[in-house]
Amino acid sequence: MLQTSMKNYLSNAVEASGVALITGIEERRDLRQLGDLWRHYTGLRAMYDAEPDPQPEEMWDPDYNISFSNIDDTVIKFPDT
């Protein structure tokens, strides 16, 4: 199962804020609004860059992870009927 990490969420936020900033520039939005968009973009980008890469989940291998210490080679015999 793929688990979403903080870095994935930040990546999406950086992408969205970048698109909003470019759209705001193209639409000649108010300079204060563009300044806010720029600060949000750079803040999210700094958080993304500081976030460690997610560690892959270890796959569980029952043949490797389970051991039985009290098992011997005892054979159960049933009487002939």
PDB file of N, CA and C in Angstrom:
ATOM      1  N   MET A   1       0.848  -1.165   0.000  1.00  0.00           N
ATOM      2  CA  MET A   1       0.000   0.000   0.000  1.00  0.00           C
ATOM      3  C   MET A   1       0.904   1.242   0.000  1.00  0.00           C
ATOM      4  N   LEU A   2       0.613   2.155  -0.877  1.00  0.00           N
ATOM      5  CA  LEU A   2       1.391   3.384  -0.978  1.00  0.00           C
ATOM      6  C   LEU A   2       0.866   4.390   0.035  1.00  0.00           C
ATOM      7  N   GLN A   3       1.767   4.869   0.862  1.00  0.00           N
ATOM      8  CA  GLN A   3       1.382   5.822   1.897  1.00  0.00           C
ATOM      9  C   GLN A   3       1.849   7.214   1.487  1.00  0.00           C
ATOM     10  N   THR A   4       0.963   8.198   1.612  1.00  0.00           N
ATOM     11  CA  THR A   4       1.311   9.559   1.247  1.00  0.00           C
ATOM     12  C   THR A   4       2.093  10.197   2.380  1.00  0.00           C
ATOM     13  N   SER A   5       3.199  10.837   2.024  1.00  0.00           N
ATOM     14  CA  SER A   5       4.056  11.459   3.031  1.00  0.00           C
ATOM     15  C   SER A   5       3.866  12.973   3.008  1.00  0.00           C
ATOM     16  N   MET A   6       4.416  13.630   4.023  1.00  0.00           N
ATOM     17  CA  MET A   6       4.375  15.085   4.104  1.00  0.00           C
ATOM     18  C   MET A   6       5.047  15.685   2.871  1.00  0.00           C
ATOM     19  N   LYS A   7       6.138  15.064   2.408  1.00  0.00           N
ATOM     20  CA  LYS A   7       6.847  15.592   1.242  1.00  0.00           C
ATOM     21  C   LYS A   7       5.940  15.568   0.011  1.00  0.00           C
ATOM     22  N   ASN A   8       5.101  14.544  -0.132  1.00  0.00           N
ATOM     23  CA  ASN A   8       4.159  14.493  -1.249  1.00  0.00           C
ATOM     24  C   ASN A   8       3.151  15.636  -1.179  1.00  0.00           C
ATOM     25  N   TYR A   9       2.621  15.878   0.016  1.00  0.00           N
ATOM     26  CA  TYR A   9       1.664  16.980   0.182  1.00  0.00           C
ATOM     27  C   TYR A   9       2.324  18.327  -0.106  1.00  0.00           C
ATOM     28  N   LEU A  10       3.539  18.510   0.397  1.00  0.00           N
ATOM     29  CA  LEU A  10       4.246  19.767   0.136  1.00  0.00           C
ATOM     30  C   LEU A  10       4.552  19.937  -1.347  1.00  0.00           C
ATOM     31  N   SER A  11       4.881  18.858  -2.027  1.00  0.00           N
ATOM     32  CA  SER A  11       5.137  18.919  -3.468  1.00  0.00           C
ATOM     33  C   SER A  11       3.902  19.422  -4.209  1.00  0.00           C
ATOM     34  N   ASN A  12       2.748  18.883  -3.844  1.00  0.00           N
ATOM     35  CA  ASN A  12       1.493  19.330  -4.468  1.00  0.00           C
ATOM     36  C   ASN A  12       1.212  20.796  -4.156  1.00  0.00           C
ATOM     37  N   ALA A  13       1.490  21.212  -2.920  1.00  0.00           N
ATOM     38  CA  ALA A  13       1.255  22.604  -2.527  1.00  0.00           C
ATOM     39  C   ALA A  13       2.198  23.551  -3.259  1.00  0.00           C
ATOM     40  N   VAL A  14       3.459  23.155  -3.420  1.00  0.00           N
ATOM     41  CA  VAL A  14       4.419  23.986  -4.161  1.00  0.00           C
ATOM     42  C   VAL A  14       3.966  24.133  -5.612  1.00  0.00           C
ATOM     43  N   GLU A  15       3.548  23.043  -6.205  1.00  0.00           N
ATOM     44  CA  GLU A  15       3.077  23.077  -7.601  1.00  0.00           C
ATOM     45  C   GLU A  15       1.869  24.002  -7.741  1.00  0.00           C
ATOM     46  N   ALA A  16       0.892  23.857  -6.841  1.00  0.00           N
ATOM     47  CA  ALA A  16      -0.323  24.679  -6.910  1.00  0.00           C
ATOM     48  C   ALA A  16      -0.016  26.154  -6.686  1.00  0.00           C
ATOM     49  N   SER A  17       0.845  26.448  -5.708  1.00  0.00           N
ATOM     50  CA  SER A  17       1.154  27.859  -5.447  1.00  0.00           C
ATOM     51  C   SER A  17       1.962  28.467  -6.589  1.00  0.00           C
ATOM     52  N   GLY A  18       2.805  27.672  -7.234  1.00  0.00           N
ATOM     53  CA  GLY A  18       3.551  28.156  -8.392  1.00  0.00           C
ATOM     54  C   GLY A  18       2.628  28.491  -9.561  1.00  0.00           C
ATOM     55  N   VAL A  19       1.654  27.620  -9.798  1.00  0.00           N
ATOM     56  CA  VAL A  19       0.680  27.870 -10.868  1.00  0.00           C
ATOM     57  C   VAL A  19      -0.145  29.114 -10.542  1.00  0.00           C
ATOM     58  N   ALA A  20      -0.547  29.263  -9.274  1.00  0.00           N
ATOM     59  CA  ALA A  20      -1.319  30.449  -8.881  1.00  0.00           C
ATOM     60  C   ALA A  20      -0.497  31.718  -9.067  1.00  0.00           C
ATOM     61  N   LEU A  21       0.784  31.669  -8.725  1.00  0.00           N
ATOM     62  CA  LEU A  21       1.658  32.832  -8.895  1.00  0.00           C
ATOM     63  C   LEU A  21       1.798  33.202 -10.370  1.00  0.00           C
ATOM     64  N   ILE A  22       2.060  32.226 -11.206  1.00  0.00           N
ATOM     65  CA  ILE A  22       2.209  32.501 -12.648  1.00  0.00           C
ATOM     66  C   ILE A  22       0.905  33.032 -13.231  1.00  0.00           C
ATOM     67  N   THR A  23      -0.219  32.442 -12.828  1.00  0.00           N
ATOM     68  CA  THR A  23      -1.525  32.913 -13.298  1.00  0.00           C
ATOM     69  C   THR A  23      -1.766  34.351 -12.845  1.00  0.00           C
ATOM     70  N   GLY A  24      -1.418  34.644 -11.601  1.00  0.00           N
ATOM     71  CA  GLY A  24      -1.571  36.008 -11.096  1.00  0.00           C
ATOM     72  C   GLY A  24      -0.739  37.009 -11.870  1.00  0.00           C
ATOM     73  N   ILE A  25       0.486  36.626 -12.234  1.00  0.00           N
ATOM     74  CA  ILE A  25       1.345  37.513 -13.033  1.00  0.00           C
ATOM     75  C   ILE A  25       0.741  37.725 -14.408  1.00  0.00           C
ATOM     76  N   GLU A  26       0.293  36.633 -15.030  1.00  0.00           N
ATOM     77  CA  GLU A  26      -0.300  36.741 -16.370  1.00  0.00           C
ATOM     78  C   GLU A  26      -1.571  37.587 -16.368  1.00  0.00           C
ATOM     79  N   GLU A  27      -2.323  37.517 -15.285  1.00  0.00           N
ATOM     80  CA  GLU A  27      -3.567  38.291 -15.192  1.00  0.00           C
ATOM     81  C   GLU A  27      -3.347  39.685 -14.622  1.00  0.00           C
ATOM     82  N   ARG A  28      -2.085  40.055 -14.397  1.00  0.00           N
ATOM     83  CA  ARG A  28      -1.717  41.372 -13.888  1.00  0.00           C
ATOM     84  C   ARG A  28      -2.474  41.721 -12.613  1.00  0.00           C
ATOM     85  N   ARG A  29      -2.433  40.774 -11.646  1.00  0.00           N
ATOM     86  CA  ARG A  29      -3.096  40.998 -10.364  1.00  0.00           C
ATOM     87  C   ARG A  29      -2.383  42.081  -9.578  1.00  0.00           C
ATOM     88  N   ASP A  30      -3.038  42.537  -8.522  1.00  0.00           N
ATOM     89  CA  ASP A  30      -2.506  43.553  -7.631  1.00  0.00           C
ATOM     90  C   ASP A  30      -1.145  43.111  -7.083  1.00  0.00           C
ATOM     91  N   LEU A  31      -0.210  44.061  -6.979  1.00  0.00           N
ATOM     92  CA  LEU A  31       1.140  43.727  -6.529  1.00  0.00           C
ATOM     93  C   LEU A  31       1.161  43.155  -5.116  1.00  0.00           C
ATOM     94  N   ARG A  32       0.277  43.601  -4.246  1.00  0.00           N
ATOM     95  CA  ARG A  32       0.227  43.032  -2.890  1.00  0.00           C
ATOM     96  C   ARG A  32      -0.178  41.563  -2.933  1.00  0.00           C
ATOM     97  N   GLN A  33      -1.149  41.265  -3.795  1.00  0.00           N
ATOM     98  CA  GLN A  33      -1.582  39.869  -3.937  1.00  0.00           C
ATOM     99  C   GLN A  33      -0.446  39.019  -4.515  1.00  0.00           C
ATOM    100  N   LEU A  34       0.251  39.552  -5.509  1.00  0.00           N
ATOM    101  CA  LEU A  34       1.380  38.818  -6.077  1.00  0.00           C
ATOM    102  C   LEU A  34       2.486  38.627  -5.043  1.00  0.00           C
ATOM    103  N   GLY A  35       2.706  39.630  -4.201  1.00  0.00           N
ATOM    104  CA  GLY A  35       3.702  39.502  -3.134  1.00  0.00           C
ATOM    105  C   GLY A  35       3.335  38.386  -2.161  1.00  0.00           C
ATOM    106  N   ASP A  36       2.042  38.322  -1.807  1.00  0.00           N
ATOM    107  CA  ASP A  36       1.582  37.241  -0.917  1.00  0.00           C
ATOM    108  C   ASP A  36       1.765  35.880  -1.573  1.00  0.00           C
ATOM    109  N   LEU A  37       1.409  35.785  -2.841  1.00  0.00           N
ATOM    110  CA  LEU A  37       1.587  34.513  -3.562  1.00  0.00           C
ATOM    111  C   LEU A  37       3.064  34.109  -3.604  1.00  0.00           C
ATOM    112  N   TRP A  38       3.935  35.092  -3.847  1.00  0.00           N
ATOM    113  CA  TRP A  38       5.373  34.809  -3.889  1.00  0.00           C
ATOM    114  C   TRP A  38       5.870  34.303  -2.525  1.00  0.00           C
ATOM    115  N   ARG A  39       5.436  34.940  -1.445  1.00  0.00           N
ATOM    116  CA  ARG A  39       5.864  34.512  -0.111  1.00  0.00           C
ATOM    117  C   ARG A  39       5.345  33.114   0.227  1.00  0.00           C
ATOM    118  N   HIS A  40       4.108  32.839  -0.167  1.00  0.00           N
ATOM    119  CA  HIS A  40       3.568  31.494   0.071  1.00  0.00           C
ATOM    120  C   HIS A  40       4.360  30.452  -0.728  1.00  0.00           C
ATOM    121  N   TYR A  41       4.632  30.779  -1.981  1.00  0.00           N
ATOM    122  CA  TYR A  41       5.390  29.849  -2.826  1.00  0.00           C
ATOM    123  C   TYR A  41       6.771  29.579  -2.230  1.00  0.00           C
ATOM    124  N   THR A  42       7.500  30.643  -1.875  1.00  0.00           N
ATOM    125  CA  THR A  42       8.859  30.447  -1.362  1.00  0.00           C
ATOM    126  C   THR A  42       8.850  29.752   0.010  1.00  0.00           C
ATOM    127  N   GLY A  43       7.840  30.035   0.834  1.00  0.00           N
ATOM    128  CA  GLY A  43       7.737  29.354   2.129  1.00  0.00           C
ATOM    129  C   GLY A  43       7.471  27.870   1.975  1.00  0.00           C
ATOM    130  N   LEU A  44       6.530  27.531   1.097  1.00  0.00           N
ATOM    131  CA  LEU A  44       6.240  26.122   0.847  1.00  0.00           C
ATOM    132  C   LEU A  44       7.433  25.411   0.232  1.00  0.00           C
ATOM    133  N   ARG A  45       8.125  26.108  -0.664  1.00  0.00           N
ATOM    134  CA  ARG A  45       9.305  25.512  -1.303  1.00  0.00           C
ATOM    135  C   ARG A  45      10.405  25.246  -0.279  1.00  0.00           C
ATOM    136  N   ALA A  46      10.597  26.169   0.663  1.00  0.00           N
ATOM    137  CA  ALA A  46      11.607  25.970   1.709  1.00  0.00           C
ATOM    138  C   ALA A  46      11.242  24.769   2.588  1.00  0.00           C
ATOM    139  N   MET A  47       9.956  24.633   2.924  1.00  0.00           N
ATOM    140  CA  MET A  47       9.529  23.487   3.727  1.00  0.00           C
ATOM    141  C   MET A  47       9.719  22.184   2.960  1.00  0.00           C
ATOM    142  N   TYR A  48       9.390  22.203   1.658  1.00  0.00           N
ATOM    143  CA  TYR A  48       9.572  21.009   0.830  1.00  0.00           C
ATOM    144  C   TYR A  48      11.048  20.605   0.777  1.00  0.00           C
ATOM    145  N   ASP A  49      11.919  21.583   0.561  1.00  0.00           N
ATOM    146  CA  ASP A  49      13.351  21.286   0.468  1.00  0.00           C
ATOM    147  C   ASP A  49      13.914  20.759   1.790  1.00  0.00           C
ATOM    148  N   ALA A  50      13.350  21.203   2.922  1.00  0.00           N
ATOM    149  CA  ALA A  50      13.844  20.776   4.231  1.00  0.00           C
ATOM    150  C   ALA A  50      13.297  19.414   4.657  1.00  0.00           C
ATOM    151  N   GLU A  51      12.212  18.983   4.043  1.00  0.00           N
ATOM    152  CA  GLU A  51      11.564  17.724   4.436  1.00  0.00           C
ATOM    153  C   GLU A  51      12.380  16.539   3.926  1.00  0.00           C
ATOM    154  N   PRO A  52      12.672  15.566   4.793  1.00  0.00           N
ATOM    155  CA  PRO A  52      13.428  14.389   4.332  1.00  0.00           C
ATOM    156  C   PRO A  52      12.589  13.542   3.381  1.00  0.00           C
ATOM    157  N   ASP A  53      13.271  12.832   2.511  1.00  0.00           N
ATOM    158  CA  ASP A  53      12.573  11.931   1.594  1.00  0.00           C
ATOM    159  C   ASP A  53      11.919  10.806   2.395  1.00  0.00           C
ATOM    160  N   PRO A  54      10.728  10.381   1.976  1.00  0.00           N
ATOM    161  CA  PRO A  54      10.058   9.304   2.712  1.00  0.00           C
ATOM    162  C   PRO A  54      10.833   7.994   2.573  1.00  0.00           C
ATOM    163  N   GLN A  55      10.846   7.226   3.641  1.00  0.00           N
ATOM    164  CA  GLN A  55      11.503   5.924   3.622  1.00  0.00           C
ATOM    165  C   GLN A  55      10.515   4.892   3.093  1.00  0.00           C
ATOM    166  N   PRO A  56      10.970   4.019   2.215  1.00  0.00           N
ATOM    167  CA  PRO A  56      10.049   2.988   1.704  1.00  0.00           C
ATOM    168  C   PRO A  56       9.655   2.028   2.819  1.00  0.00           C
ATOM    169  N   GLU A  57       8.420   1.577   2.752  1.00  0.00           N
ATOM    170  CA  GLU A  57       7.949   0.616   3.739  1.00  0.00           C
ATOM    171  C   GLU A  57       8.616  -0.725   3.490  1.00  0.00           C
ATOM    172  N   GLU A  58       8.995  -1.388   4.570  1.00  0.00           N
ATOM    173  CA  GLU A  58       9.566  -2.711   4.425  1.00  0.00           C
ATOM    174  C   GLU A  58       8.449  -3.701   4.155  1.00  0.00           C
ATOM    175  N   MET A  59       8.692  -4.551   3.203  1.00  0.00           N
ATOM    176  CA  MET A  59       7.712  -5.584   2.901  1.00  0.00           C
ATOM    177  C   MET A  59       7.821  -6.673   3.963  1.00  0.00           C
ATOM    178  N   TRP A  60       6.715  -7.189   4.402  1.00  0.00           N
ATOM    179  CA  TRP A  60       6.701  -8.227   5.418  1.00  0.00           C
ATOM    180  C   TRP A  60       6.768  -9.569   4.741  1.00  0.00           C
ATOM    181  N   ASP A  61       7.784 -10.325   5.061  1.00  0.00           N
ATOM    182  CA  ASP A  61       7.975 -11.655   4.502  1.00  0.00           C
ATOM    183  C   ASP A  61       7.792 -12.663   5.626  1.00  0.00           C
ATOM    184  N   PRO A  62       6.663 -13.377   5.654  1.00  0.00           N
ATOM    185  CA  PRO A  62       6.421 -14.283   6.774  1.00  0.00           C
ATOM    186  C   PRO A  62       7.468 -15.385   6.882  1.00  0.00           C
ATOM    187  N   ASP A  63       8.036 -15.809   5.771  1.00  0.00           N
ATOM    188  CA  ASP A  63       9.062 -16.852   5.830  1.00  0.00           C
ATOM    189  C   ASP A  63      10.339 -16.331   6.473  1.00  0.00           C
ATOM    190  N   TYR A  64      10.562 -15.051   6.405  1.00  0.00           N
ATOM    191  CA  TYR A  64      11.767 -14.459   6.976  1.00  0.00           C
ATOM    192  C   TYR A  64      11.539 -13.957   8.400  1.00  0.00           C
ATOM    193  N   ASN A  65      10.361 -13.398   8.652  1.00  0.00           N
ATOM    194  CA  ASN A  65      10.108 -12.710   9.918  1.00  0.00           C
ATOM    195  C   ASN A  65       9.592 -13.602  11.038  1.00  0.00           C
ATOM    196  N   ILE A  66       9.183 -14.829  10.750  1.00  0.00           N
ATOM    197  CA  ILE A  66       8.649 -15.707  11.782  1.00  0.00           C
ATOM    198  C   ILE A  66       9.617 -16.862  11.988  1.00  0.00           C
ATOM    199  N   SER A  67       9.913 -17.122  13.234  1.00  0.00           N
ATOM    200  CA  SER A  67      10.748 -18.285  13.539  1.00  0.00           C
ATOM    201  C   SER A  67      10.134 -19.024  14.713  1.00  0.00           C
ATOM    202  N   PHE A  68      10.310 -20.321  14.720  1.00  0.00           N
ATOM    203  CA  PHE A  68       9.817 -21.165  15.792  1.00  0.00           C
ATOM    204  C   PHE A  68      11.023 -21.805  16.453  1.00  0.00           C
ATOM    205  N   SER A  69      11.168 -21.553  17.747  1.00  0.00           N
ATOM    206  CA  SER A  69      12.342 -22.074  18.432  1.00  0.00           C
ATOM    207  C   SER A  69      12.077 -23.407  19.122  1.00  0.00           C
ATOM    208  N   ASN A  70      10.825 -23.791  19.358  1.00  0.00           N
ATOM    209  CA  ASN A  70      10.517 -25.010  20.111  1.00  0.00           C
ATOM    210  C   ASN A  70       9.992 -26.138  19.229  1.00  0.00           C
ATOM    211  N   ILE A  71      10.280 -26.107  17.972  1.00  0.00           N
ATOM    212  CA  ILE A  71       9.787 -27.144  17.069  1.00  0.00           C
ATOM    213  C   ILE A  71      10.910 -28.129  16.800  1.00  0.00           C
ATOM    214  N   ASP A  72      10.574 -29.406  16.911  1.00  0.00           N
ATOM    215  CA  ASP A  72      11.553 -30.428  16.549  1.00  0.00           C
ATOM    216  C   ASP A  72      10.946 -31.311  15.464  1.00  0.00           C
ATOM    217  N   ASP A  73      11.613 -32.346  15.144  1.00  0.00           N
ATOM    218  CA  ASP A  73      11.163 -33.219  14.056  1.00  0.00           C
ATOM    219  C   ASP A  73      10.330 -34.388  14.563  1.00  0.00           C
ATOM    220  N   THR A  74       9.533 -34.173  15.579  1.00  0.00           N
ATOM    221  CA  THR A  74       8.694 -35.233  16.119  1.00  0.00           C
ATOM    222  C   THR A  74       7.641 -35.614  15.083  1.00  0.00           C
ATOM    223  N   VAL A  75       7.474 -36.917  14.933  1.00  0.00           N
ATOM    224  CA  VAL A  75       6.488 -37.434  13.981  1.00  0.00           C
ATOM    225  C   VAL A  75       5.349 -38.039  14.774  1.00  0.00           C
ATOM    226  N   ILE A  76       4.136 -37.697  14.421  1.00  0.00           N
ATOM    227  CA  ILE A  76       2.958 -38.267  15.073  1.00  0.00           C
ATOM    228  C   ILE A  76       2.543 -39.489  14.272  1.00  0.00           C
ATOM    229  N   LYS A  77       2.416 -40.636  14.961  1.00  0.00           N
ATOM    230  CA  LYS A  77       2.010 -41.883  14.304  1.00  0.00           C
ATOM    231  C   LYS A  77       0.657 -42.290  14.844  1.00  0.00           C
ATOM    232  N   PHE A  78      -0.187 -42.720  13.951  1.00  0.00           N
ATOM    233  CA  PHE A  78      -1.509 -43.213  14.320  1.00  0.00           C
ATOM    234  C   PHE A  78      -1.512 -44.743  14.213  1.00  0.00           C
ATOM    235  N   PRO A  79      -2.207 -45.364  15.130  1.00  0.00           N
ATOM    236  CA  PRO A  79      -2.250 -46.830  15.047  1.00  0.00           C
ATOM    237  C   PRO A  79      -2.996 -47.287  13.799  1.00  0.00           C
ATOM    238  N   ASP A  80      -2.582 -48.448  13.291  1.00  0.00           N
ATOM    239  CA  ASP A  80      -3.283 -49.016  12.124  1.00  0.00           C
ATOM    240  C   ASP A  80      -4.681 -49.430  12.557  1.00  0.00           C
ATOM    241  N   THR A  81      -5.623 -49.166  11.715  1.00  0.00           N
ATOM    242  CA  THR A  81      -7.008 -49.558  12.050  1.00  0.00           C
ATOM    243  C   THR A  81      -7.467 -50.685  11.203  1.00  0.00           C
TER     244      THR A  81
END
